[in-house]
Amino acid sequence: CAASRSILSLNIMGWYRQAPGKQREYVVITRGGSTYYADSVKGRFT
């Protein structure tokens, strides 16, 4: 994920995904220096 400007001030960054016919769902998010993974991807995605 390439940003058009510095990402230093971005306190929240993450990834979401959407399968056909499904709602967009959270995959992983970084917030305040902490990282939270969805149970479905924990241990497999980084």
All heavy atoms as atom14 arrays in JSON, in Angstrom:
{
  "sequence": "CAASRSILSLNIMGWYRQAPGKQREYVVITRGGSTYYADSVKGRFT",
  "atom14_mask": [
    [1, 1, 1, 1, 1, 1, 0, 0, 0, 0, 0, 0, 0, 0],
    [1, 1, 1, 1, 1, 0, 0, 0, 0, 0, 0, 0, 0, 0],
    [1, 1, 1, 1, 1, 0, 0, 0, 0, 0, 0, 0, 0, 0],
    [1, 1, 1, 1, 1, 1, 0, 0, 0, 0, 0, 0, 0, 0],
    [1, 1, 1, 1, 1, 1, 1, 1, 1, 1, 1, 0, 0, 0],
    [1, 1, 1, 1, 1, 1, 0, 0, 0, 0, 0, 0, 0, 0],
    [1, 1, 1, 1, 1, 1, 1, 1, 0, 0, 0, 0, 0, 0],
    [1, 1, 1, 1, 1, 1, 1, 1, 0, 0, 0, 0, 0, 0],
    [1, 1, 1, 1, 1, 1, 0, 0, 0, 0, 0, 0, 0, 0],
    [1, 1, 1, 1, 1, 1, 1, 1, 0, 0, 0, 0, 0, 0],
    [1, 1, 1, 1, 1, 1, 1, 1, 0, 0, 0, 0, 0, 0],
    [1, 1, 1, 1, 1, 1, 1, 1, 0, 0, 0, 0, 0, 0],
    [1, 1, 1, 1, 1, 1, 1, 1, 0, 0, 0, 0, 0, 0],
    [1, 1, 1, 1, 0, 0, 0, 0, 0, 0, 0, 0, 0, 0],
    [1, 1, 1, 1, 1, 1, 1, 1, 1, 1, 1, 1, 1, 1],
    [1, 1, 1, 1, 1, 1, 1, 1, 1, 1, 1, 1, 0, 0],
    [1, 1, 1, 1, 1, 1, 1, 1, 1, 1, 1, 0, 0, 0],
    [1, 1, 1, 1, 1, 1, 1, 1, 1, 0, 0, 0, 0, 0],
    [1, 1, 1, 1, 1, 0, 0, 0, 0, 0, 0, 0, 0, 0],
    [1, 1, 1, 1, 1, 1, 1, 0, 0, 0, 0, 0, 0, 0],
    [1, 1, 1, 1, 0, 0, 0, 0, 0, 0, 0, 0, 0, 0],
    [1, 1, 1, 1, 1, 1, 1, 1, 1, 0, 0, 0, 0, 0],
    [1, 1, 1, 1, 1, 1, 1, 1, 1, 0, 0, 0, 0, 0],
    [1, 1, 1, 1, 1, 1, 1, 1, 1, 1, 1, 0, 0, 0],
    [1, 1, 1, 1, 1, 1, 1, 1, 1, 0, 0, 0, 0, 0],
    [1, 1, 1, 1, 1, 1, 1, 1, 1, 1, 1, 1, 0, 0],
    [1, 1, 1, 1, 1, 1, 1, 0, 0, 0, 0, 0, 0, 0],
    [1, 1, 1, 1, 1, 1, 1, 0, 0, 0, 0, 0, 0, 0],
    [1, 1, 1, 1, 1, 1, 1, 1, 0, 0, 0, 0, 0, 0],
    [1, 1, 1, 1, 1, 1, 1, 0, 0, 0, 0, 0, 0, 0],
    [1, 1, 1, 1, 1, 1, 1, 1, 1, 1, 1, 0, 0, 0],
    [1, 1, 1, 1, 0, 0, 0, 0, 0, 0, 0, 0, 0, 0],
    [1, 1, 1, 1, 0, 0, 0, 0, 0, 0, 0, 0, 0, 0],
    [1, 1, 1, 1, 1, 1, 0, 0, 0, 0, 0, 0, 0, 0],
    [1, 1, 1, 1, 1, 1, 1, 0, 0, 0, 0, 0, 0, 0],
    [1, 1, 1, 1, 1, 1, 1, 1, 1, 1, 1, 1, 0, 0],
    [1, 1, 1, 1, 1, 1, 1, 1, 1, 1, 1, 1, 0, 0],
    [1, 1, 1, 1, 1, 0, 0, 0, 0, 0, 0, 0, 0, 0],
    [1, 1, 1, 1, 1, 1, 1, 1, 0, 0, 0, 0, 0, 0],
    [1, 1, 1, 1, 1, 1, 0, 0, 0, 0, 0, 0, 0, 0],
    [1, 1, 1, 1, 1, 1, 1, 0, 0, 0, 0, 0, 0, 0],
    [1, 1, 1, 1, 1, 1, 1, 1, 1, 0, 0, 0, 0, 0],
    [1, 1, 1, 1, 0, 0, 0, 0, 0, 0, 0, 0, 0, 0],
    [1, 1, 1, 1, 1, 1, 1, 1, 1, 1, 1, 0, 0, 0],
    [1, 1, 1, 1, 1, 1, 1, 1, 1, 1, 1, 0, 0, 0],
    [1, 1, 1, 1, 1, 1, 1, 0, 0, 0, 0, 0, 0, 0]
  ],
  "atom14_positions": [
    [[0.87, -1.17, 0.0], [0.0, 0.0, 0.0], [0.9, 1.22, 0.0], [1.5, 1.55, 1.03], [-0.92, -0.01, 1.22], [-1.89, 1.5, 1.44], [0.0, 0.0, 0.0], [0.0, 0.0, 0.0], [0.0, 0.0, 0.0], [0.0, 0.0, 0.0], [0.0, 0.0, 0.0], [0.0, 0.0, 0.0], [0.0, 0.0, 0.0], [0.0, 0.0, 0.0]],
    [[1.0, 1.89, -1.15], [1.85, 3.06, -1.3], [1.04, 4.33, -1.07], [0.01, 4.54, -1.71], [2.49, 3.08, -2.68], [0.0, 0.0, 0.0], [0.0, 0.0, 0.0], [0.0, 0.0, 0.0], [0.0, 0.0, 0.0], [0.0, 0.0, 0.0], [0.0, 0.0, 0.0], [0.0, 0.0, 0.0], [0.0, 0.0, 0.0], [0.0, 0.0, 0.0]],
    [[1.51, 5.18, -0.17], [0.85, 6.44, 0.15], [1.49, 7.59, -0.61], [2.69, 7.58, -0.88], [0.9, 6.71, 1.64], [0.0, 0.0, 0.0], [0.0, 0.0, 0.0], [0.0, 0.0, 0.0], [0.0, 0.0, 0.0], [0.0, 0.0, 0.0], [0.0, 0.0, 0.0], [0.0, 0.0, 0.0], [0.0, 0.0, 0.0], [0.0, 0.0, 0.0]],
    [[0.68, 8.61, -0.93], [1.16, 9.74, -1.72], [1.94, 10.76, -0.9], [2.53, 11.68, -1.46], [-0.02, 10.44, -2.4], [-0.93, 10.94, -1.43], [0.0, 0.0, 0.0], [0.0, 0.0, 0.0], [0.0, 0.0, 0.0], [0.0, 0.0, 0.0], [0.0, 0.0, 0.0], [0.0, 0.0, 0.0], [0.0, 0.0, 0.0], [0.0, 0.0, 0.0]],
    [[1.95, 10.6, 0.4], [2.7, 11.47, 1.28], [3.18, 10.69, 2.49], [2.86, 9.5, 2.63], [1.87, 12.68, 1.71], [0.63, 12.31, 2.5], [-0.17, 13.53, 2.9], [-0.77, 14.19, 1.75], [-1.53, 15.28, 1.82], [-1.76, 15.85, 2.99], [-2.04, 15.8, 0.71], [0.0, 0.0, 0.0], [0.0, 0.0, 0.0], [0.0, 0.0, 0.0]],
    [[3.9, 11.35, 3.38], [4.46, 10.7, 4.55], [3.38, 9.99, 5.36], [2.28, 10.5, 5.54], [5.17, 11.72, 5.44], [5.6, 11.11, 6.65], [0.0, 0.0, 0.0], [0.0, 0.0, 0.0], [0.0, 0.0, 0.0], [0.0, 0.0, 0.0], [0.0, 0.0, 0.0], [0.0, 0.0, 0.0], [0.0, 0.0, 0.0], [0.0, 0.0, 0.0]],
    [[3.73, 8.8, 5.84], [2.79, 8.03, 6.67], [3.12, 8.15, 8.16], [2.47, 7.5, 8.98], [2.77, 6.55, 6.26], [4.14, 5.9, 6.49], [2.33, 6.4, 4.81], [4.15, 4.4, 6.26], [0.0, 0.0, 0.0], [0.0, 0.0, 0.0], [0.0, 0.0, 0.0], [0.0, 0.0, 0.0], [0.0, 0.0, 0.0], [0.0, 0.0, 0.0]],
    [[4.09, 8.98, 8.5], [4.52, 9.1, 9.9], [3.39, 9.6, 10.8], [3.32, 9.2, 11.96], [5.72, 10.03, 10.01], [7.05, 9.5, 9.45], [8.1, 10.59, 9.48], [7.5, 8.29, 10.24], [0.0, 0.0, 0.0], [0.0, 0.0, 0.0], [0.0, 0.0, 0.0], [0.0, 0.0, 0.0], [0.0, 0.0, 0.0], [0.0, 0.0, 0.0]],
    [[2.55, 10.47, 10.28], [1.47, 11.04, 11.08], [0.2, 10.21, 11.06], [-0.78, 10.58, 11.72], [1.16, 12.46, 10.61], [0.72, 12.47, 9.27], [0.0, 0.0, 0.0], [0.0, 0.0, 0.0], [0.0, 0.0, 0.0], [0.0, 0.0, 0.0], [0.0, 0.0, 0.0], [0.0, 0.0, 0.0], [0.0, 0.0, 0.0], [0.0, 0.0, 0.0]],
    [[0.21, 9.11, 10.32], [-0.95, 8.23, 10.26], [-0.91, 7.27, 11.44], [-0.14, 6.32, 11.45], [-0.99, 7.47, 8.94], [-1.26, 8.31, 7.7], [-0.95, 7.51, 6.44], [-2.7, 8.79, 7.68], [0.0, 0.0, 0.0], [0.0, 0.0, 0.0], [0.0, 0.0, 0.0], [0.0, 0.0, 0.0], [0.0, 0.0, 0.0], [0.0, 0.0, 0.0]],
    [[-1.74, 7.54, 12.42], [-1.75, 6.74, 13.63], [-2.52, 5.43, 13.48], [-2.35, 4.52, 14.28], [-2.34, 7.55, 14.79], [-1.48, 8.73, 15.16], [-0.26, 8.61, 15.3], [-2.1, 9.89, 15.34], [0.0, 0.0, 0.0], [0.0, 0.0, 0.0], [0.0, 0.0, 0.0], [0.0, 0.0, 0.0], [0.0, 0.0, 0.0], [0.0, 0.0, 0.0]],
    [[-3.37, 5.38, 12.47], [-4.16, 4.19, 12.21], [-3.94, 3.74, 10.77], [-4.16, 4.5, 9.84], [-5.66, 4.45, 12.45], [-5.9, 4.88, 13.9], [-6.47, 3.21, 12.11], [-7.32, 5.3, 14.17], [0.0, 0.0, 0.0], [0.0, 0.0, 0.0], [0.0, 0.0, 0.0], [0.0, 0.0, 0.0], [0.0, 0.0, 0.0], [0.0, 0.0, 0.0]],
    [[-3.51, 2.51, 10.59], [-3.4, 1.92, 9.27], [-3.79, 0.45, 9.36], [-3.5, -0.21, 10.36], [-1.99, 2.04, 8.7], [-1.57, 3.46, 8.4], [-0.26, 3.58, 7.13], [-1.21, 3.19, 5.65], [0.0, 0.0, 0.0], [0.0, 0.0, 0.0], [0.0, 0.0, 0.0], [0.0, 0.0, 0.0], [0.0, 0.0, 0.0], [0.0, 0.0, 0.0]],
    [[-4.43, -0.04, 8.32], [-4.85, -1.42, 8.34], [-5.29, -1.91, 6.98], [-5.2, -1.21, 5.98], [0.0, 0.0, 0.0], [0.0, 0.0, 0.0], [0.0, 0.0, 0.0], [0.0, 0.0, 0.0], [0.0, 0.0, 0.0], [0.0, 0.0, 0.0], [0.0, 0.0, 0.0], [0.0, 0.0, 0.0], [0.0, 0.0, 0.0], [0.0, 0.0, 0.0]],
    [[-5.75, -3.15, 6.98], [-6.23, -3.81, 5.78], [-7.62, -4.38, 6.03], [-7.88, -4.94, 7.1], [-5.29, -4.94, 5.36], [-3.96, -4.47, 4.86], [-2.85, -4.21, 5.6], [-3.6, -4.22, 3.49], [-1.81, -3.81, 4.78], [-2.25, -3.81, 3.48], [-4.28, -4.3, 2.29], [-1.56, -3.48, 2.31], [-3.61, -3.98, 1.12], [-2.26, -3.58, 1.14]],
    [[-8.47, -4.26, 5.03], [-9.8, -4.84, 5.02], [-9.95, -5.67, 3.76], [-9.17, -5.53, 2.83], [-10.87, -3.76, 5.06], [-10.95, -3.0, 6.37], [-9.95, -2.11, 6.74], [-12.03, -3.17, 7.23], [-10.02, -1.41, 7.93], [-12.11, -2.48, 8.42], [-11.1, -1.6, 8.77], [-11.18, -0.91, 9.96], [0.0, 0.0, 0.0], [0.0, 0.0, 0.0]],
    [[-10.97, -6.53, 3.72], [-11.22, -7.3, 2.52], [-12.71, -7.48, 2.31], [-13.5, -7.41, 3.25], [-10.53, -8.67, 2.58], [-11.07, -9.61, 3.65], [-10.22, -10.87, 3.74], [-10.72, -11.81, 4.72], [-10.08, -12.91, 5.08], [-8.91, -13.22, 4.53], [-10.61, -13.73, 5.99], [0.0, 0.0, 0.0], [0.0, 0.0, 0.0], [0.0, 0.0, 0.0]],
    [[-13.09, -7.71, 1.07], [-14.48, -7.9, 0.72], [-14.59, -9.0, -0.33], [-14.06, -8.88, -1.44], [-15.1, -6.61, 0.19], [-16.6, -6.7, -0.04], [-17.22, -5.34, -0.29], [-16.54, -4.39, -0.65], [-18.52, -5.24, -0.07], [0.0, 0.0, 0.0], [0.0, 0.0, 0.0], [0.0, 0.0, 0.0], [0.0, 0.0, 0.0], [0.0, 0.0, 0.0]],
    [[-15.27, -10.07, 0.03], [-15.54, -11.17, -0.89], [-16.85, -10.92, -1.61], [-17.7, -10.16, -1.13], [-15.6, -12.49, -0.12], [0.0, 0.0, 0.0], [0.0, 0.0, 0.0], [0.0, 0.0, 0.0], [0.0, 0.0, 0.0], [0.0, 0.0, 0.0], [0.0, 0.0, 0.0], [0.0, 0.0, 0.0], [0.0, 0.0, 0.0], [0.0, 0.0, 0.0]],
    [[-17.06, -11.54, -2.78], [-18.31, -11.34, -3.51], [-19.53, -11.66, -2.66], [-19.6, -12.71, -2.03], [-18.18, -12.32, -4.69], [-16.71, -12.47, -4.88], [-16.13, -12.42, -3.5], [0.0, 0.0, 0.0], [0.0, 0.0, 0.0], [0.0, 0.0, 0.0], [0.0, 0.0, 0.0], [0.0, 0.0, 0.0], [0.0, 0.0, 0.0], [0.0, 0.0, 0.0]],
    [[-20.48, -10.75, -2.64], [-21.71, -10.95, -1.89], [-21.58, -10.78, -0.39], [-22.55, -11.02, 0.33], [0.0, 0.0, 0.0], [0.0, 0.0, 0.0], [0.0, 0.0, 0.0], [0.0, 0.0, 0.0], [0.0, 0.0, 0.0], [0.0, 0.0, 0.0], [0.0, 0.0, 0.0], [0.0, 0.0, 0.0], [0.0, 0.0, 0.0], [0.0, 0.0, 0.0]],
    [[-20.41, -10.37, 0.07], [-20.17, -10.21, 1.5], [-19.88, -8.76, 1.85], [-19.5, -7.95, 1.0], [-19.0, -11.08, 1.96], [-19.19, -12.57, 1.73], [-20.27, -13.14, 2.64], [-20.35, -14.65, 2.52], [-19.11, -15.31, 3.03], [0.0, 0.0, 0.0], [0.0, 0.0, 0.0], [0.0, 0.0, 0.0], [0.0, 0.0, 0.0], [0.0, 0.0, 0.0]],
    [[-20.05, -8.43, 3.13], [-19.68, -7.12, 3.64], [-18.16, -7.01, 3.75], [-17.47, -8.0, 3.94], [-20.32, -6.87, 5.0], [-21.83, -6.78, 4.99], [-22.3, -5.48, 4.37], [-21.64, -4.45, 4.47], [-23.46, -5.54, 3.72], [0.0, 0.0, 0.0], [0.0, 0.0, 0.0], [0.0, 0.0, 0.0], [0.0, 0.0, 0.0], [0.0, 0.0, 0.0]],
    [[-17.67, -5.79, 3.64], [-16.26, -5.56, 3.86], [-15.93, -5.85, 5.32], [-16.66, -5.42, 6.23], [-15.9, -4.11, 3.51], [-14.41, -3.83, 3.53], [-14.1, -2.43, 3.01], [-14.55, -2.25, 1.64], [-14.33, -1.15, 0.93], [-13.66, -0.14, 1.46], [-14.78, -1.07, -0.32], [0.0, 0.0, 0.0], [0.0, 0.0, 0.0], [0.0, 0.0, 0.0]],
    [[-14.85, -6.59, 5.56], [-14.5, -6.99, 6.91], [-13.07, -6.6, 7.26], [-12.2, -6.51, 6.39], [-14.7, -8.49, 7.1], [-13.76, -9.35, 6.26], [-13.98, -10.84, 6.49], [-14.87, -11.21, 7.29], [-13.26, -11.64, 5.86], [0.0, 0.0, 0.0], [0.0, 0.0, 0.0], [0.0, 0.0, 0.0], [0.0, 0.0, 0.0], [0.0, 0.0, 0.0]],
    [[-12.86, -6.41, 8.52], [-11.56, -6.06, 9.07], [-10.64, -7.27, 9.01], [-11.03, -8.39, 9.34], [-11.78, -5.53, 10.49], [-10.82, -5.97, 11.55], [-9.6, -5.33, 11.7], [-11.17, -6.96, 12.45], [-8.73, -5.7, 12.71], [-10.32, -7.33, 13.47], [-9.09, -6.7, 13.6], [-8.24, -7.06, 14.61], [0.0, 0.0, 0.0], [0.0, 0.0, 0.0]],
    [[-9.4, -7.04, 8.58], [-8.37, -8.07, 8.54], [-7.33, -7.8, 9.62], [-7.03, -8.66, 10.44], [-7.69, -8.14, 7.16], [-6.53, -9.13, 7.18], [-8.7, -8.54, 6.09], [0.0, 0.0, 0.0], [0.0, 0.0, 0.0], [0.0, 0.0, 0.0], [0.0, 0.0, 0.0], [0.0, 0.0, 0.0], [0.0, 0.0, 0.0], [0.0, 0.0, 0.0]],
    [[-6.75, -6.6, 9.6], [-5.77, -6.2, 10.59], [-5.74, -4.68, 10.66], [-5.95, -4.01, 9.65], [-4.36, -6.75, 10.25], [-3.9, -6.27, 8.88], [-3.35, -6.37, 11.32], [0.0, 0.0, 0.0], [0.0, 0.0, 0.0], [0.0, 0.0, 0.0], [0.0, 0.0, 0.0], [0.0, 0.0, 0.0], [0.0, 0.0, 0.0], [0.0, 0.0, 0.0]],
    [[-5.49, -4.15, 11.86], [-5.37, -2.71, 12.03], [-4.27, -2.42, 13.05], [-4.12, -3.14, 14.04], [-6.71, -2.08, 12.48], [-6.61, -0.56, 12.52], [-7.15, -2.62, 13.84], [-7.96, 0.13, 12.69], [0.0, 0.0, 0.0], [0.0, 0.0, 0.0], [0.0, 0.0, 0.0], [0.0, 0.0, 0.0], [0.0, 0.0, 0.0], [0.0, 0.0, 0.0]],
    [[-3.5, -1.38, 12.77], [-2.53, -0.87, 13.74], [-3.07, 0.44, 14.28], [-3.51, 1.31, 13.53], [-1.14, -0.65, 13.11], [-1.23, 0.29, 12.04], [-0.59, -1.96, 12.6], [0.0, 0.0, 0.0], [0.0, 0.0, 0.0], [0.0, 0.0, 0.0], [0.0, 0.0, 0.0], [0.0, 0.0, 0.0], [0.0, 0.0, 0.0], [0.0, 0.0, 0.0]],
    [[-3.02, 0.59, 15.6], [-3.58, 1.76, 16.26], [-2.78, 2.05, 17.51], [-2.66, 1.17, 18.38], [-5.06, 1.53, 16.59], [-5.76, 2.71, 17.24], [-7.23, 2.38, 17.46], [-7.41, 1.24, 18.34], [-8.48, 0.46, 18.34], [-9.47, 0.69, 17.49], [-8.55, -0.56, 19.19], [0.0, 0.0, 0.0], [0.0, 0.0, 0.0], [0.0, 0.0, 0.0]],
    [[-2.25, 3.26, 17.58], [-1.5, 3.65, 18.76], [-0.33, 2.73, 19.07], [-0.01, 2.53, 20.25], [0.0, 0.0, 0.0], [0.0, 0.0, 0.0], [0.0, 0.0, 0.0], [0.0, 0.0, 0.0], [0.0, 0.0, 0.0], [0.0, 0.0, 0.0], [0.0, 0.0, 0.0], [0.0, 0.0, 0.0], [0.0, 0.0, 0.0], [0.0, 0.0, 0.0]],
    [[0.28, 2.19, 18.04], [1.43, 1.32, 18.23], [1.08, -0.14, 18.49], [1.98, -0.97, 18.62], [0.0, 0.0, 0.0], [0.0, 0.0, 0.0], [0.0, 0.0, 0.0], [0.0, 0.0, 0.0], [0.0, 0.0, 0.0], [0.0, 0.0, 0.0], [0.0, 0.0, 0.0], [0.0, 0.0, 0.0], [0.0, 0.0, 0.0], [0.0, 0.0, 0.0]],
    [[-0.2, -0.44, 18.57], [-0.64, -1.81, 18.79], [-1.24, -2.37, 17.51], [-1.74, -1.63, 16.67], [-1.68, -1.87, 19.92], [-1.1, -1.43, 21.14], [0.0, 0.0, 0.0], [0.0, 0.0, 0.0], [0.0, 0.0, 0.0], [0.0, 0.0, 0.0], [0.0, 0.0, 0.0], [0.0, 0.0, 0.0], [0.0, 0.0, 0.0], [0.0, 0.0, 0.0]],
    [[-1.2, -3.68, 17.38], [-1.69, -4.36, 16.19], [-2.76, -5.37, 16.57], [-2.6, -6.13, 17.53], [-0.55, -5.08, 15.45], [0.48, -4.14, 15.14], [-1.06, -5.71, 14.17], [0.0, 0.0, 0.0], [0.0, 0.0, 0.0], [0.0, 0.0, 0.0], [0.0, 0.0, 0.0], [0.0, 0.0, 0.0], [0.0, 0.0, 0.0], [0.0, 0.0, 0.0]],
    [[-3.85, -5.36, 15.81], [-4.97, -6.25, 16.08], [-5.32, -7.01, 14.81], [-5.61, -6.4, 13.78], [-6.18, -5.45, 16.57], [-5.87, -4.54, 17.75], [-5.42, -3.25, 17.55], [-6.01, -5.0, 19.05], [-5.13, -2.42, 18.62], [-5.72, -4.18, 20.13], [-5.28, -2.89, 19.91], [-4.99, -2.07, 20.97], [0.0, 0.0, 0.0], [0.0, 0.0, 0.0]],
    [[-5.31, -8.33, 14.89], [-5.64, -9.18, 13.76], [-6.99, -9.84, 13.96], [-7.35, -10.23, 15.07], [-4.59, -10.28, 13.57], [-3.23, -9.79, 13.14], [-2.25, -9.48, 14.08], [-2.91, -9.67, 11.8], [-0.99, -9.05, 13.69], [-1.65, -9.24, 11.4], [-0.7, -8.93, 12.35], [0.55, -8.5, 11.96], [0.0, 0.0, 0.0], [0.0, 0.0, 0.0]],
    [[-7.73, -10.0, 12.86], [-8.94, -10.8, 12.9], [-8.57, -12.24, 13.21], [-7.51, -12.73, 12.8], [-9.68, -10.71, 11.58], [0.0, 0.0, 0.0], [0.0, 0.0, 0.0], [0.0, 0.0, 0.0], [0.0, 0.0, 0.0], [0.0, 0.0, 0.0], [0.0, 0.0, 0.0], [0.0, 0.0, 0.0], [0.0, 0.0, 0.0], [0.0, 0.0, 0.0]],
    [[-9.44, -12.94, 13.92], [-9.16, -14.32, 14.29], [-8.9, -15.2, 13.07], [-8.12, -16.15, 13.13], [-10.31, -14.89, 15.11], [-10.38, -14.31, 16.51], [-9.38, -13.75, 16.98], [-11.45, -14.43, 17.14], [0.0, 0.0, 0.0], [0.0, 0.0, 0.0], [0.0, 0.0, 0.0], [0.0, 0.0, 0.0], [0.0, 0.0, 0.0], [0.0, 0.0, 0.0]],
    [[-9.56, -14.9, 11.97], [-9.46, -15.72, 10.78], [-8.08, -15.68, 10.12], [-7.74, -16.58, 9.35], [-10.52, -15.31, 9.75], [-10.36, -13.95, 9.39], [0.0, 0.0, 0.0], [0.0, 0.0, 0.0], [0.0, 0.0, 0.0], [0.0, 0.0, 0.0], [0.0, 0.0, 0.0], [0.0, 0.0, 0.0], [0.0, 0.0, 0.0], [0.0, 0.0, 0.0]],
    [[-7.28, -14.65, 10.43], [-5.97, -14.5, 9.8], [-4.82, -14.51, 10.79], [-3.65, -14.54, 10.39], [-5.88, -13.22, 8.94], [-7.03, -13.18, 7.94], [-5.87, -11.97, 9.81], [0.0, 0.0, 0.0], [0.0, 0.0, 0.0], [0.0, 0.0, 0.0], [0.0, 0.0, 0.0], [0.0, 0.0, 0.0], [0.0, 0.0, 0.0], [0.0, 0.0, 0.0]],
    [[-5.12, -14.48, 12.07], [-4.09, -14.41, 13.09], [-3.14, -15.6, 12.98], [-3.58, -16.75, 12.88], [-4.73, -14.36, 14.48], [-3.75, -14.02, 15.59], [-4.48, -13.82, 16.92], [-3.52, -13.39, 18.02], [-4.24, -13.15, 19.3], [0.0, 0.0, 0.0], [0.0, 0.0, 0.0], [0.0, 0.0, 0.0], [0.0, 0.0, 0.0], [0.0, 0.0, 0.0]],
    [[-1.85, -15.31, 12.99], [-0.84, -16.34, 12.85], [-0.43, -16.6, 11.43], [0.59, -17.28, 11.2], [0.0, 0.0, 0.0], [0.0, 0.0, 0.0], [0.0, 0.0, 0.0], [0.0, 0.0, 0.0], [0.0, 0.0, 0.0], [0.0, 0.0, 0.0], [0.0, 0.0, 0.0], [0.0, 0.0, 0.0], [0.0, 0.0, 0.0], [0.0, 0.0, 0.0]],
    [[-1.18, -16.09, 10.46], [-0.87, -16.29, 9.05], [-0.49, -15.0, 8.33], [0.33, -15.03, 7.42], [-2.06, -16.93, 8.33], [-2.46, -18.29, 8.88], [-3.52, -18.95, 8.01], [-4.76, -18.19, 7.98], [-5.31, -17.69, 6.88], [-4.72, -17.88, 5.69], [-6.45, -17.02, 6.93], [0.0, 0.0, 0.0], [0.0, 0.0, 0.0], [0.0, 0.0, 0.0]],
    [[-1.1, -13.88, 8.73], [-0.86, -12.59, 8.08], [-0.05, -11.69, 9.01], [-0.2, -11.75, 10.24], [-2.17, -11.88, 7.76], [-3.01, -12.53, 6.68], [-2.67, -13.76, 6.15], [-4.14, -11.89, 6.22], [-3.45, -14.35, 5.16], [-4.93, -12.46, 5.24], [-4.58, -13.69, 4.71], [0.0, 0.0, 0.0], [0.0, 0.0, 0.0], [0.0, 0.0, 0.0]],
    [[0.77, -10.82, 8.41], [1.58, -9.88, 9.17], [1.6, -8.53, 8.48], [1.9, -8.45, 7.29], [3.02, -10.37, 9.34], [3.03, -11.68, 9.94], [3.81, -9.42, 10.23], [0.0, 0.0, 0.0], [0.0, 0.0, 0.0], [0.0, 0.0, 0.0], [0.0, 0.0, 0.0], [0.0, 0.0, 0.0], [0.0, 0.0, 0.0], [0.0, 0.0, 0.0]]
  ]
}
